[in-house]
PDB file of N, CA and C in Angstrom:
ATOM      1  N   MET A   1     120.357  24.005 124.582  1.00  0.00           N
ATOM      2  CA  MET A   1     119.708  25.298 124.529  1.00  0.00           C
ATOM      3  C   MET A   1     118.289  25.083 123.981  1.00  0.00           C
ATOM      4  N   ALA A   2     117.351  24.797 124.839  1.00  0.00           N
ATOM      5  CA  ALA A   2     116.001  24.496 124.389  1.00  0.00           C
ATOM      6  C   ALA A   2     115.190  25.768 124.128  1.00  0.00           C
ATOM      7  N   ASP A   3     115.228  26.744 125.010  1.00  0.00           N
ATOM      8  CA  ASP A   3     114.455  27.977 124.851  1.00  0.00           C
ATOM      9  C   ASP A   3     115.399  29.092 124.437  1.00  0.00           C
ATOM     10  N   CYS A   4     115.292  29.516 123.195  1.00  0.00           N
ATOM     11  CA  CYS A   4     116.238  30.505 122.693  1.00  0.00           C
ATOM     12  C   CYS A   4     115.562  31.388 121.656  1.00  0.00           C
ATOM     13  N   VAL A   5     116.339  32.274 121.065  1.00  0.00           N
ATOM     14  CA  VAL A   5     115.828  33.157 120.016  1.00  0.00           C
ATOM     15  C   VAL A   5     116.729  33.059 118.792  1.00  0.00           C
ATOM     16  N   TYR A   6     116.108  33.343 117.658  1.00  0.00           N
ATOM     17  CA  TYR A   6     116.819  33.481 116.396  1.00  0.00           C
ATOM     18  C   TYR A   6     116.966  34.980 116.189  1.00  0.00           C
ATOM     19  N   LEU A   7     118.195  35.460 116.192  1.00  0.00           N
ATOM     20  CA  LEU A   7     118.495  36.888 116.098  1.00  0.00           C
ATOM     21  C   LEU A   7     119.173  37.147 114.758  1.00  0.00           C
ATOM     22  N   LYS A   8     118.617  38.085 114.000  1.00  0.00           N
ATOM     23  CA  LYS A   8     119.169  38.383 112.683  1.00  0.00           C
ATOM     24  C   LYS A   8     119.394  39.887 112.550  1.00  0.00           C
ATOM     25  N   PHE A   9     120.602  40.254 112.095  1.00  0.00           N
ATOM     26  CA  PHE A   9     120.941  41.637 111.772  1.00  0.00           C
ATOM     27  C   PHE A   9     121.065  41.756 110.261  1.00  0.00           C
ATOM     28  N   PHE A  10     120.703  42.920 109.733  1.00  0.00           N
ATOM     29  CA  PHE A  10     120.853  43.196 108.311  1.00  0.00           C
ATOM     30  C   PHE A  10     121.909  44.278 108.141  1.00  0.00           C
ATOM     31  N   VAL A  11     122.897  44.016 107.284  1.00  0.00           N
ATOM     32  CA  VAL A  11     123.963  44.975 107.011  1.00  0.00           C
ATOM     33  C   VAL A  11     124.216  45.000 105.507  1.00  0.00           C
ATOM     34  N   ILE A  12     125.001  45.968 105.071  1.00  0.00           N
ATOM     35  CA  ILE A  12     125.445  46.012 103.675  1.00  0.00           C
ATOM     36  C   ILE A  12     126.901  45.548 103.662  1.00  0.00           C
ATOM     37  N   GLU A  13     127.228  44.770 102.679  1.00  0.00           N
ATOM     38  CA  GLU A  13     128.533  44.122 102.582  1.00  0.00           C
ATOM     39  C   GLU A  13     129.705  45.074 102.830  1.00  0.00           C
ATOM     40  N   HIS A  14     129.653  46.283 102.304  1.00  0.00           N
ATOM     41  CA  HIS A  14     130.795  47.197 102.413  1.00  0.00           C
ATOM     42  C   HIS A  14     130.857  47.936 103.752  1.00  0.00           C
ATOM     43  N   GLN A  15     129.827  47.849 104.589  1.00  0.00           N
ATOM     44  CA  GLN A  15     129.849  48.571 105.859  1.00  0.00           C
ATOM     45  C   GLN A  15     130.996  48.087 106.731  1.00  0.00           C
ATOM     46  N   ARG A  16     131.633  49.041 107.400  1.00  0.00           N
ATOM     47  CA  ARG A  16     132.765  48.719 108.266  1.00  0.00           C
ATOM     48  C   ARG A  16     132.541  49.320 109.641  1.00  0.00           C
ATOM     49  N   HIS A  17     133.143  48.686 110.627  1.00  0.00           N
ATOM     50  CA  HIS A  17     133.110  49.206 111.991  1.00  0.00           C
ATOM     51  C   HIS A  17     134.386  48.750 112.689  1.00  0.00           C
ATOM     52  N   ASP A  18     135.019  49.669 113.370  1.00  0.00           N
ATOM     53  CA  ASP A  18     136.214  49.356 114.150  1.00  0.00           C
ATOM     54  C   ASP A  18     137.301  48.713 113.282  1.00  0.00           C
ATOM     55  N   GLY A  19     137.442  49.208 112.029  1.00  0.00           N
ATOM     56  CA  GLY A  19     138.511  48.757 111.149  1.00  0.00           C
ATOM     57  C   GLY A  19     138.293  47.431 110.448  1.00  0.00           C
ATOM     58  N   GLN A  20     137.079  46.902 110.481  1.00  0.00           N
ATOM     59  CA  GLN A  20     136.816  45.607 109.844  1.00  0.00           C
ATOM     60  C   GLN A  20     135.402  45.599 109.255  1.00  0.00           C
ATOM     61  N   PRO A  21     135.119  44.654 108.359  1.00  0.00           N
ATOM     62  CA  PRO A  21     133.757  44.571 107.842  1.00  0.00           C
ATOM     63  C   PRO A  21     132.769  44.400 109.000  1.00  0.00           C
ATOM     64  N   LEU A  22     131.632  45.056 108.908  1.00  0.00           N
ATOM     65  CA  LEU A  22     130.657  45.047 109.995  1.00  0.00           C
ATOM     66  C   LEU A  22     130.168  43.642 110.320  1.00  0.00           C
ATOM     67  N   TYR A  23     129.934  42.814 109.284  1.00  0.00           N
ATOM     68  CA  TYR A  23     129.479  41.449 109.560  1.00  0.00           C
ATOM     69  C   TYR A  23     130.515  40.691 110.384  1.00  0.00           C
ATOM     70  N   GLN A  24     131.794  40.939 110.105  1.00  0.00           N
ATOM     71  CA  GLN A  24     132.880  40.292 110.840  1.00  0.00           C
ATOM     72  C   GLN A  24     132.925  40.795 112.285  1.00  0.00           C
ATOM     73  N   TRP A  25     132.743  42.094 112.470  1.00  0.00           N
ATOM     74  CA  TRP A  25     132.721  42.664 113.811  1.00  0.00           C
ATOM     75  C   TRP A  25     131.598  42.040 114.626  1.00  0.00           C
ATOM     76  N   LEU A  26     130.407  41.893 114.017  1.00  0.00           N
ATOM     77  CA  LEU A  26     129.284  41.281 114.724  1.00  0.00           C
ATOM     78  C   LEU A  26     129.598  39.848 115.145  1.00  0.00           C
ATOM     79  N   LEU A  27     130.160  39.074 114.243  1.00  0.00           N
ATOM     80  CA  LEU A  27     130.494  37.683 114.569  1.00  0.00           C
ATOM     81  C   LEU A  27     131.548  37.611 115.679  1.00  0.00           C
ATOM     82  N   ARG A  28     132.574  38.435 115.576  1.00  0.00           N
ATOM     83  CA  ARG A  28     133.634  38.416 116.601  1.00  0.00           C
ATOM     84  C   ARG A  28     133.115  38.887 117.951  1.00  0.00           C
ATOM     85  N   ARG A  29     132.298  39.937 117.943  1.00  0.00           N
ATOM     86  CA  ARG A  29     131.768  40.460 119.214  1.00  0.00           C
ATOM     87  C   ARG A  29     130.856  39.426 119.859  1.00  0.00           C
ATOM     88  N   ALA A  30     130.038  38.753 119.070  1.00  0.00           N
ATOM     89  CA  ALA A  30     129.167  37.704 119.595  1.00  0.00           C
ATOM     90  C   ALA A  30     129.982  36.567 120.205  1.00  0.00           C
ATOM     91  N   ALA A  31     131.070  36.184 119.542  1.00  0.00           N
ATOM     92  CA  ALA A  31     131.934  35.124 120.079  1.00  0.00           C
ATOM     93  C   ALA A  31     132.552  35.562 121.402  1.00  0.00           C
ATOM     94  N   GLN A  32     132.982  36.812 121.489  1.00  0.00           N
ATOM     95  CA  GLN A  32     133.555  37.327 122.736  1.00  0.00           C
ATOM     96  C   GLN A  32     132.532  37.330 123.862  1.00  0.00           C
ATOM     97  N   LEU A  33     131.266  37.534 123.526  1.00  0.00           N
ATOM     98  CA  LEU A  33     130.201  37.539 124.529  1.00  0.00           C
ATOM     99  C   LEU A  33     129.749  36.136 124.913  1.00  0.00           C
ATOM    100  N   GLY A  34     130.253  35.131 124.190  1.00  0.00           N
ATOM    101  CA  GLY A  34     129.932  33.753 124.530  1.00  0.00           C
ATOM    102  C   GLY A  34     128.753  33.148 123.787  1.00  0.00           C
ATOM    103  N   LEU A  35     128.245  33.814 122.739  1.00  0.00           N
ATOM    104  CA  LEU A  35     127.171  33.205 121.960  1.00  0.00           C
ATOM    105  C   LEU A  35     127.713  31.942 121.302  1.00  0.00           C
ATOM    106  N   PRO A  36     126.906  30.902 121.202  1.00  0.00           N
ATOM    107  CA  PRO A  36     127.417  29.609 120.736  1.00  0.00           C
ATOM    108  C   PRO A  36     127.769  29.542 119.261  1.00  0.00           C
ATOM    109  N   GLY A  37     127.316  30.474 118.435  1.00  0.00           N
ATOM    110  CA  GLY A  37     127.663  30.440 117.017  1.00  0.00           C
ATOM    111  C   GLY A  37     126.893  31.470 116.235  1.00  0.00           C
ATOM    112  N   GLY A  38     127.384  31.771 115.050  1.00  0.00           N
ATOM    113  CA  GLY A  38     126.719  32.728 114.175  1.00  0.00           C
ATOM    114  C   GLY A  38     127.208  32.541 112.763  1.00  0.00           C
ATOM    115  N   SER A  39     126.456  33.076 111.828  1.00  0.00           N
ATOM    116  CA  SER A  39     126.819  32.968 110.413  1.00  0.00           C
ATOM    117  C   SER A  39     126.440  34.241 109.683  1.00  0.00           C
ATOM    118  N   ALA A  40     127.161  34.520 108.600  1.00  0.00           N
ATOM    119  CA  ALA A  40     126.858  35.662 107.740  1.00  0.00           C
ATOM    120  C   ALA A  40     126.541  35.135 106.345  1.00  0.00           C
ATOM    121  N   PHE A  41     125.483  35.679 105.751  1.00  0.00           N
ATOM    122  CA  PHE A  41     125.033  35.257 104.430  1.00  0.00           C
ATOM    123  C   PHE A  41     124.867  36.469 103.528  1.00  0.00           C
ATOM    124  N   ARG A  42     125.361  36.374 102.319  1.00  0.00           N
ATOM    125  CA  ARG A  42     125.203  37.441 101.331  1.00  0.00           C
ATOM    126  C   ARG A  42     123.927  37.180 100.534  1.00  0.00           C
ATOM    127  N   ALA A  43     123.145  38.210 100.345  1.00  0.00           N
ATOM    128  CA  ALA A  43     121.884  38.086  99.624  1.00  0.00           C
ATOM    129  C   ALA A  43     122.100  38.242  98.119  1.00  0.00           C
ATOM    130  N   VAL A  44     121.155  37.769  97.350  1.00  0.00           N
ATOM    131  CA  VAL A  44     121.173  37.939  95.907  1.00  0.00           C
ATOM    132  C   VAL A  44     120.613  39.310  95.551  1.00  0.00           C
ATOM    133  N   ALA A  45     119.609  39.754  96.301  1.00  0.00           N
ATOM    134  CA  ALA A  45     119.003  41.059  96.090  1.00  0.00           C
ATOM    135  C   ALA A  45     118.272  41.464  97.361  1.00  0.00           C
ATOM    136  N   GLY A  46     118.040  42.758  97.512  1.00  0.00           N
ATOM    137  CA  GLY A  46     117.273  43.213  98.657  1.00  0.00           C
ATOM    138  C   GLY A  46     117.247  44.720  98.755  1.00  0.00           C
ATOM    139  N   TYR A  47     116.342  45.209  99.604  1.00  0.00           N
ATOM    140  CA  TYR A  47     116.306  46.632  99.921  1.00  0.00           C
ATOM    141  C   TYR A  47     115.925  46.764 101.376  1.00  0.00           C
ATOM    142  N   GLY A  48     116.248  47.910 101.953  1.00  0.00           N
ATOM    143  CA  GLY A  48     115.979  48.129 103.359  1.00  0.00           C
ATOM    144  C   GLY A  48     115.183  49.387 103.589  1.00  0.00           C
ATOM    145  N   ARG A  49     115.358  49.944 104.761  1.00  0.00           N
ATOM    146  CA  ARG A  49     114.541  51.090 105.165  1.00  0.00           C
ATOM    147  C   ARG A  49     114.753  52.318 104.303  1.00  0.00           C
ATOM    148  N   HIS A  50     115.839  52.381 103.529  1.00  0.00           N
ATOM    149  CA  HIS A  50     116.086  53.528 102.653  1.00  0.00           C
ATOM    150  C   HIS A  50     115.568  53.289 101.236  1.00  0.00           C
ATOM    151  N   ARG A  51     114.958  52.139 101.011  1.00  0.00           N
ATOM    152  CA  ARG A  51     114.303  51.779  99.746  1.00  0.00           C
ATOM    153  C   ARG A  51     115.242  51.741  98.543  1.00  0.00           C
ATOM    154  N   VAL A  52     116.518  51.469  98.764  1.00  0.00           N
ATOM    155  CA  VAL A  52     117.482  51.351  97.668  1.00  0.00           C
ATOM    156  C   VAL A  52     117.639  49.867  97.355  1.00  0.00           C
ATOM    157  N   LEU A  53     117.339  49.484  96.124  1.00  0.00           N
ATOM    158  CA  LEU A  53     117.429  48.086  95.724  1.00  0.00           C
ATOM    159  C   LEU A  53     118.864  47.755  95.330  1.00  0.00           C
ATOM    160  N   HIS A  54     119.396  46.685  95.910  1.00  0.00           N
ATOM    161  CA  HIS A  54     120.729  46.191  95.572  1.00  0.00           C
ATOM    162  C   HIS A  54     120.552  44.790  94.999  1.00  0.00           C
ATOM    163  N   GLU A  55     121.164  44.551  93.852  1.00  0.00           N
ATOM    164  CA  GLU A  55     121.054  43.243  93.210  1.00  0.00           C
ATOM    165  C   GLU A  55     122.426  42.757  92.785  1.00  0.00           C
ATOM    166  N   ALA A  56     122.594  41.443  92.794  1.00  0.00           N
ATOM    167  CA  ALA A  56     123.847  40.844  92.354  1.00  0.00           C
ATOM    168  C   ALA A  56     123.828  40.676  90.836  1.00  0.00           C
ATOM    169  N   HIS A  57     124.800  41.248  90.172  1.00  0.00           N
ATOM    170  CA  HIS A  57     125.004  41.080  88.733  1.00  0.00           C
ATOM    171  C   HIS A  57     126.482  40.773  88.534  1.00  0.00           C
ATOM    172  N   PHE A  58     126.813  40.061  87.486  1.00  0.00           N
ATOM    173  CA  PHE A  58     128.217  39.690  87.295  1.00  0.00           C
ATOM    174  C   PHE A  58     129.097  40.912  87.092  1.00  0.00           C
ATOM    175  N   TYR A  59     128.530  42.019  86.647  1.00  0.00           N
ATOM    176  CA  TYR A  59     129.329  43.215  86.400  1.00  0.00           C
ATOM    177  C   TYR A  59     129.308  44.187  87.578  1.00  0.00           C
ATOM    178  N   GLU A  60     128.518  43.899  88.591  1.00  0.00           N
ATOM    179  CA  GLU A  60     128.399  44.821  89.718  1.00  0.00           C
ATOM    180  C   GLU A  60     129.671  44.796  90.571  1.00  0.00           C
ATOM    181  N   LEU A  61     130.063  45.952  91.025  1.00  0.00           N
ATOM    182  CA  LEU A  61     131.198  46.019  91.932  1.00  0.00           C
ATOM    183  C   LEU A  61     130.834  45.369  93.255  1.00  0.00           C
ATOM    184  N   ALA A  62     131.771  44.696  93.834  1.00  0.00           N
ATOM    185  CA  ALA A  62     131.536  44.029  95.114  1.00  0.00           C
ATOM    186  C   ALA A  62     131.285  45.053  96.206  1.00  0.00           C
ATOM    187  N   GLY A  63     130.550  44.643  97.203  1.00  0.00           N
ATOM    188  CA  GLY A  63     130.392  45.462  98.380  1.00  0.00           C
ATOM    189  C   GLY A  63     129.044  46.094  98.589  1.00  0.00           C
ATOM    190  N   GLU A  64     128.160  46.041  97.608  1.00  0.00           N
ATOM    191  CA  GLU A  64     126.864  46.705  97.741  1.00  0.00           C
ATOM    192  C   GLU A  64     125.727  45.759  98.101  1.00  0.00           C
ATOM    193  N   LEU A  65     126.002  44.483  98.253  1.00  0.00           N
ATOM    194  CA  LEU A  65     124.931  43.527  98.499  1.00  0.00           C
ATOM    195  C   LEU A  65     124.530  43.501  99.966  1.00  0.00           C
ATOM    196  N   PRO A  66     123.232  43.270 100.217  1.00  0.00           N
ATOM    197  CA  PRO A  66     122.788  43.122 101.603  1.00  0.00           C
ATOM    198  C   PRO A  66     123.301  41.801 102.177  1.00  0.00           C
ATOM    199  N   MET A  67     123.479  41.784 103.470  1.00  0.00           N
ATOM    200  CA  MET A  67     123.920  40.571 104.173  1.00  0.00           C
ATOM    201  C   MET A  67     123.052  40.364 105.400  1.00  0.00           C
ATOM    202  N   GLU A  68     122.910  39.121 105.779  1.00  0.00           N
ATOM    203  CA  GLU A  68     122.249  38.757 107.018  1.00  0.00           C
ATOM    204  C   GLU A  68     123.302  38.147 107.929  1.00  0.00           C
ATOM    205  N   VAL A  69     123.305  38.560 109.181  1.00  0.00           N
ATOM    206  CA  VAL A  69     124.192  37.972 110.181  1.00  0.00           C
ATOM    207  C   VAL A  69     123.274  37.384 111.233  1.00  0.00           C
ATOM    208  N   VAL A  70     123.316  36.068 111.403  1.00  0.00           N
ATOM    209  CA  VAL A  70     122.328  35.369 112.223  1.00  0.00           C
ATOM    210  C   VAL A  70     122.960  34.617 113.384  1.00  0.00           C
ATOM    211  N   PHE A  71     122.184  34.528 114.446  1.00  0.00           N
ATOM    212  CA  PHE A  71     122.601  33.829 115.662  1.00  0.00           C
ATOM    213  C   PHE A  71     121.404  33.079 116.242  1.00  0.00           C
ATOM    214  N   VAL A  72     121.652  31.960 116.873  1.00  0.00           N
ATOM    215  CA  VAL A  72     120.674  31.294 117.725  1.00  0.00           C
ATOM    216  C   VAL A  72     121.309  31.287 119.104  1.00  0.00           C
ATOM    217  N   ALA A  73     120.630  31.933 120.047  1.00  0.00           N
ATOM    218  CA  ALA A  73     121.219  32.114 121.375  1.00  0.00           C
ATOM    219  C   ALA A  73     120.112  32.195 122.414  1.00  0.00           C
ATOM    220  N   ASP A  74     120.487  32.035 123.679  1.00  0.00           N
ATOM    221  CA  ASP A  74     119.462  32.237 124.702  1.00  0.00           C
ATOM    222  C   ASP A  74     119.126  33.724 124.756  1.00  0.00           C
ATOM    223  N   ARG A  75     117.991  34.037 125.339  1.00  0.00           N
ATOM    224  CA  ARG A  75     117.468  35.408 125.315  1.00  0.00           C
ATOM    225  C   ARG A  75     118.435  36.409 125.948  1.00  0.00           C
ATOM    226  N   ALA A  76     119.054  36.032 127.040  1.00  0.00           N
ATOM    227  CA  ALA A  76     119.967  36.951 127.734  1.00  0.00           C
ATOM    228  C   ALA A  76     121.174  37.282 126.862  1.00  0.00           C
ATOM    229  N   ASP A  77     121.737  36.290 126.192  1.00  0.00           N
ATOM    230  CA  ASP A  77     122.887  36.537 125.308  1.00  0.00           C
ATOM    231  C   ASP A  77     122.484  37.414 124.121  1.00  0.00           C
ATOM    232  N   ALA A  78     121.309  37.157 123.561  1.00  0.00           N
ATOM    233  CA  ALA A  78     120.826  37.978 122.449  1.00  0.00           C
ATOM    234  C   ALA A  78     120.633  39.424 122.906  1.00  0.00           C
ATOM    235  N   ASP A  79     120.074  39.610 124.098  1.00  0.00           N
ATOM    236  CA  ASP A  79     119.890  40.960 124.651  1.00  0.00           C
ATOM    237  C   ASP A  79     121.231  41.663 124.815  1.00  0.00           C
ATOM    238  N   ARG A  80     122.240  40.936 125.306  1.00  0.00           N
ATOM    239  CA  ARG A  80     123.565  41.534 125.491  1.00  0.00           C
ATOM    240  C   ARG A  80     124.183  41.944 124.163  1.00  0.00           C
ATOM    241  N   LEU A  81     124.025  41.120 123.129  1.00  0.00           N
ATOM    242  CA  LEU A  81     124.592  41.463 121.825  1.00  0.00           C
ATOM    243  C   LEU A  81     123.895  42.695 121.244  1.00  0.00           C
ATOM    244  N   VAL A  82     122.573  42.753 121.326  1.00  0.00           N
ATOM    245  CA  VAL A  82     121.847  43.921 120.813  1.00  0.00           C
ATOM    246  C   VAL A  82     122.286  45.174 121.573  1.00  0.00           C
ATOM    247  N   ALA A  83     122.456  45.064 122.882  1.00  0.00           N
ATOM    248  CA  ALA A  83     122.914  46.210 123.679  1.00  0.00           C
ATOM    249  C   ALA A  83     124.324  46.630 123.273  1.00  0.00           C
ATOM    250  N   GLU A  84     125.211  45.684 123.008  1.00  0.00           N
ATOM    251  CA  GLU A  84     126.580  45.983 122.572  1.00  0.00           C
ATOM    252  C   GLU A  84     126.588  46.718 121.228  1.00  0.00           C
ATOM    253  N   VAL A  85     125.714  46.290 120.315  1.00  0.00           N
ATOM    254  CA  VAL A  85     125.620  46.936 119.014  1.00  0.00           C
ATOM    255  C   VAL A  85     125.192  48.395 119.187  1.00  0.00           C
ATOM    256  N   GLY A  86     124.202  48.623 120.025  1.00  0.00           N
ATOM    257  CA  GLY A  86     123.759  49.989 120.287  1.00  0.00           C
ATOM    258  C   GLY A  86     124.828  50.814 120.969  1.00  0.00           C
ATOM    259  N   ALA A  87     125.530  50.222 121.940  1.00  0.00           N
ATOM    260  CA  ALA A  87     126.587  50.933 122.660  1.00  0.00           C
ATOM    261  C   ALA A  87     127.753  51.289 121.740  1.00  0.00           C
ATOM    262  N   ALA A  88     127.924  50.513 120.663  1.00  0.00           N
ATOM    263  CA  ALA A  88     128.992  50.793 119.698  1.00  0.00           C
ATOM    264  C   ALA A  88     128.595  51.910 118.733  1.00  0.00           C
ATOM    265  N   GLY A  89     127.402  52.461 118.915  1.00  0.00           N
ATOM    266  CA  GLY A  89     126.955  53.558 118.061  1.00  0.00           C
ATOM    267  C   GLY A  89     126.372  53.115 116.733  1.00  0.00           C
ATOM    268  N   LEU A  90     126.049  51.841 116.612  1.00  0.00           N
ATOM    269  CA  LEU A  90     125.516  51.312 115.362  1.00  0.00           C
ATOM    270  C   LEU A  90     123.995  51.314 115.385  1.00  0.00           C
ATOM    271  N   SER A  91     123.393  51.673 114.276  1.00  0.00           N
ATOM    272  CA  SER A  91     121.945  51.661 114.127  1.00  0.00           C
ATOM    273  C   SER A  91     121.602  50.609 113.083  1.00  0.00           C
ATOM    274  N   LEU A  92     121.364  49.381 113.520  1.00  0.00           N
ATOM    275  CA  LEU A  92     121.131  48.264 112.605  1.00  0.00           C
ATOM    276  C   LEU A  92     119.733  47.700 112.786  1.00  0.00           C
ATOM    277  N   PHE A  93     119.062  47.445 111.683  1.00  0.00           N
ATOM    278  CA  PHE A  93     117.784  46.759 111.765  1.00  0.00           C
ATOM    279  C   PHE A  93     118.059  45.309 112.144  1.00  0.00           C
ATOM    280  N   HIS A  94     117.261  44.803 113.056  1.00  0.00           N
ATOM    281  CA  HIS A  94     117.378  43.406 113.466  1.00  0.00           C
ATOM    282  C   HIS A  94     116.009  42.891 113.864  1.00  0.00           C
ATOM    283  N   TYR A  95     115.895  41.588 113.939  1.00  0.00           N
ATOM    284  CA  TYR A  95     114.686  41.021 114.527  1.00  0.00           C
ATOM    285  C   TYR A  95     115.029  39.745 115.268  1.00  0.00           C
ATOM    286  N   ARG A  96     114.123  39.409 116.183  1.00  0.00           N
ATOM    287  CA  ARG A  96     114.249  38.203 116.995  1.00  0.00           C
ATOM    288  C   ARG A  96     112.969  37.396 116.882  1.00  0.00           C
ATOM    289  N   MET A  97     113.132  36.102 116.823  1.00  0.00           N
ATOM    290  CA  MET A  97     111.982  35.202 116.828  1.00  0.00           C
ATOM    291  C   MET A  97     112.258  34.110 117.845  1.00  0.00           C
ATOM    292  N   PRO A  98     111.222  33.647 118.534  1.00  0.00           N
ATOM    293  CA  PRO A  98     111.422  32.518 119.438  1.00  0.00           C
ATOM    294  C   PRO A  98     111.909  31.314 118.628  1.00  0.00           C
ATOM    295  N   ALA A  99     112.787  30.552 119.208  1.00  0.00           N
ATOM    296  CA  ALA A  99     113.327  29.375 118.519  1.00  0.00           C
ATOM    297  C   ALA A  99     113.565  28.264 119.524  1.00  0.00           C
ATOM    298  N   GLU A 100     113.644  27.082 119.009  1.00  0.00           N
ATOM    299  CA  GLU A 100     114.029  25.943 119.816  1.00  0.00           C
ATOM    300  C   GLU A 100     115.162  25.256 119.083  1.00  0.00           C
ATOM    301  N   SER A 101     116.238  24.962 119.787  1.00  0.00           N
ATOM    302  CA  SER A 101     117.393  24.364 119.123  1.00  0.00           C
ATOM    303  C   SER A 101     117.812  23.092 119.824  1.00  0.00           C
ATOM    304  N   GLY A 102     118.598  22.323 119.141  1.00  0.00           N
ATOM    305  CA  GLY A 102     119.105  21.074 119.697  1.00  0.00           C
ATOM    306  C   GLY A 102     120.129  20.485 118.743  1.00  0.00           C
ATOM    307  N   VAL A 103     120.627  19.329 119.097  1.00  0.00           N
ATOM    308  CA  VAL A 103     121.606  18.613 118.268  1.00  0.00           C
ATOM    309  C   VAL A 103     121.062  17.228 118.005  1.00  0.00           C
ATOM    310  N   THR A 104     121.119  16.790 116.753  1.00  0.00           N
ATOM    311  CA  THR A 104     120.637  15.465 116.407  1.00  0.00           C
ATOM    312  C   THR A 104     121.655  14.409 116.783  1.00  0.00           C
ATOM    313  N   GLY A 105     121.211  13.200 116.945  1.00  0.00           N
ATOM    314  CA  GLY A 105     122.115  12.093 117.238  1.00  0.00           C
ATOM    315  C   GLY A 105     122.649  12.126 118.657  1.00  0.00           C
ATOM    316  N   GLY A 106     123.488  11.187 118.968  1.00  0.00           N
ATOM    317  CA  GLY A 106     124.000  11.067 120.318  1.00  0.00           C
ATOM    318  C   GLY A 106     125.471  11.440 120.455  1.00  0.00           C
ATOM    319  N   HIS A 107     126.007  12.215 119.547  1.00  0.00           N
ATOM    320  CA  HIS A 107     127.435  12.535 119.556  1.00  0.00           C
ATOM    321  C   HIS A 107     127.694  13.829 120.259  1.00  0.00           C
TER     322      HIS A 107
END
């Protein structure tokens, strides 16, 4: 996959869709669409379009932290995933950047 995009969605840990955590739904839906892989990362702190700051503290209840769900995929697959998210009625901030990917070594 030489010409591809880096696609990132931002969600809040506690968000749910279709009976499961939203980050999990995104990863599963991407796998069903044939994207080659994805990962979810929990942030230490962050705020979004609603300007509410969420920070990780040892006493904070779980579920309020921002998360990033990322994919590297060809442009057509990324377009299909973004369209699926919209068709599911979800309004998620995301961005895409041109990327180049490959695998090191000869294995």
